[in-house]
Amino acid sequence: MTVKRDIVADNLKAILIILVVLGHVMGFMRVSKLTYLINCIYSFHMPAFVFINGYLLSSLKSSNVKLS
């Protein structure tokens, strides 16, 4: 059985992972000018992960795949 990948969701998750890494790197730099950008990244990246994974789970449940 082959599972079709959602390319858009995969690319969005990759971008979000890169933003998390950049946020951590900027946090270690301790530059006060970057505080706004760090807070901006941290304010949306986790809700975006939850939304994307919920979307993928709902599309998986709607197919004929049995989840254990």
C-alpha atoms as a PDB file:
ATOM      1  CA  MET A   1       0.000   0.000   0.000  1.00  0.00           C
ATOM      2  CA  THR A   2       1.460   3.328  -0.998  1.00  0.00           C
ATOM      3  CA  VAL A   3       0.772   6.493   0.925  1.00  0.00           C
ATOM      4  CA  LYS A   4       0.504   9.721  -1.038  1.00  0.00           C
ATOM      5  CA  ARG A   5       2.523  12.539   0.495  1.00  0.00           C
ATOM      6  CA  ASP A   6       1.169  16.058   0.704  1.00  0.00           C
ATOM      7  CA  ILE A   7       4.058  18.031  -0.778  1.00  0.00           C
ATOM      8  CA  VAL A   8       2.745  21.410   0.387  1.00  0.00           C
ATOM      9  CA  ALA A   9       2.408  20.220   3.986  1.00  0.00           C
ATOM     10  CA  ASP A  10       5.885  18.661   3.875  1.00  0.00           C
ATOM     11  CA  ASN A  11       7.393  21.908   2.592  1.00  0.00           C
ATOM     12  CA  LEU A  12       5.564  23.978   5.219  1.00  0.00           C
ATOM     13  CA  LYS A  13       6.827  21.697   7.971  1.00  0.00           C
ATOM     14  CA  ALA A  14      10.383  22.018   6.626  1.00  0.00           C
ATOM     15  CA  ILE A  15      10.113  25.820   6.623  1.00  0.00           C
ATOM     16  CA  LEU A  16       8.779  25.785  10.186  1.00  0.00           C
ATOM     17  CA  ILE A  17      11.646  23.559  11.335  1.00  0.00           C
ATOM     18  CA  ILE A  18      14.152  25.956   9.763  1.00  0.00           C
ATOM     19  CA  LEU A  19      12.447  28.869  11.550  1.00  0.00           C
ATOM     20  CA  VAL A  20      12.732  27.033  14.881  1.00  0.00           C
ATOM     21  CA  VAL A  21      16.459  26.512  14.332  1.00  0.00           C
ATOM     22  CA  LEU A  22      16.907  30.178  13.342  1.00  0.00           C
ATOM     23  CA  GLY A  23      14.958  31.277  16.421  1.00  0.00           C
ATOM     24  CA  HIS A  24      17.215  29.201  18.660  1.00  0.00           C
ATOM     25  CA  VAL A  25      20.368  30.533  17.006  1.00  0.00           C
ATOM     26  CA  MET A  26      19.155  34.126  17.337  1.00  0.00           C
ATOM     27  CA  GLY A  27      18.270  33.443  20.973  1.00  0.00           C
ATOM     28  CA  PHE A  28      21.843  32.387  21.706  1.00  0.00           C
ATOM     29  CA  MET A  29      23.201  35.536  20.063  1.00  0.00           C
ATOM     30  CA  ARG A  30      21.458  37.708  22.691  1.00  0.00           C
ATOM     31  CA  VAL A  31      21.033  40.736  20.425  1.00  0.00           C
ATOM     32  CA  SER A  32      18.248  42.972  21.707  1.00  0.00           C
ATOM     33  CA  LYS A  33      17.270  44.034  18.177  1.00  0.00           C
ATOM     34  CA  LEU A  34      16.369  40.434  17.351  1.00  0.00           C
ATOM     35  CA  THR A  35      13.969  40.026  20.292  1.00  0.00           C
ATOM     36  CA  TYR A  36      10.935  41.084  18.251  1.00  0.00           C
ATOM     37  CA  LEU A  37      11.794  38.651  15.447  1.00  0.00           C
ATOM     38  CA  ILE A  38      12.381  35.803  17.901  1.00  0.00           C
ATOM     39  CA  ASN A  39       9.037  36.459  19.607  1.00  0.00           C
ATOM     40  CA  CYS A  40       7.330  36.602  16.221  1.00  0.00           C
ATOM     41  CA  ILE A  41       8.758  33.217  15.201  1.00  0.00           C
ATOM     42  CA  TYR A  42       7.849  31.608  18.516  1.00  0.00           C
ATOM     43  CA  SER A  43       4.311  33.018  18.441  1.00  0.00           C
ATOM     44  CA  PHE A  44       3.234  31.125  15.330  1.00  0.00           C
ATOM     45  CA  HIS A  45       5.469  28.125  14.708  1.00  0.00           C
ATOM     46  CA  MET A  46       3.913  25.708  17.222  1.00  0.00           C
ATOM     47  CA  PRO A  47       0.280  26.529  16.336  1.00  0.00           C
ATOM     48  CA  ALA A  48       1.240  26.089  12.684  1.00  0.00           C
ATOM     49  CA  PHE A  49       2.707  22.632  13.430  1.00  0.00           C
ATOM     50  CA  VAL A  50      -0.491  21.653  15.252  1.00  0.00           C
ATOM     51  CA  PHE A  51      -2.668  22.928  12.401  1.00  0.00           C
ATOM     52  CA  ILE A  52      -0.665  21.130   9.692  1.00  0.00           C
ATOM     53  CA  ASN A  53      -0.533  17.848  11.596  1.00  0.00           C
ATOM     54  CA  GLY A  54      -4.261  18.060  12.356  1.00  0.00           C
ATOM     55  CA  TYR A  55      -4.931  18.628   8.672  1.00  0.00           C
ATOM     56  CA  LEU A  56      -2.826  15.619   7.745  1.00  0.00           C
ATOM     57  CA  LEU A  57      -4.515  13.445  10.370  1.00  0.00           C
ATOM     58  CA  SER A  58      -7.995  14.423   9.199  1.00  0.00           C
ATOM     59  CA  SER A  59      -7.098  13.597   5.601  1.00  0.00           C
ATOM     60  CA  LEU A  60      -5.693  10.267   6.781  1.00  0.00           C
ATOM     61  CA  LYS A  61      -8.861   9.467   8.744  1.00  0.00           C
ATOM     62  CA  SER A  62     -11.066  10.298   5.765  1.00  0.00           C
ATOM     63  CA  SER A  63      -9.280   7.710   3.637  1.00  0.00           C
ATOM     64  CA  ASN A  64      -9.715   3.973   4.091  1.00  0.00           C
ATOM     65  CA  VAL A  65      -6.610   3.627   6.247  1.00  0.00           C
ATOM     66  CA  LYS A  66      -7.126   1.911   9.585  1.00  0.00           C
ATOM     67  CA  LEU A  67      -5.449   3.789  12.427  1.00  0.00           C
ATOM     68  CA  SER A  68      -4.458   1.650  15.385  1.00  0.00           C
END
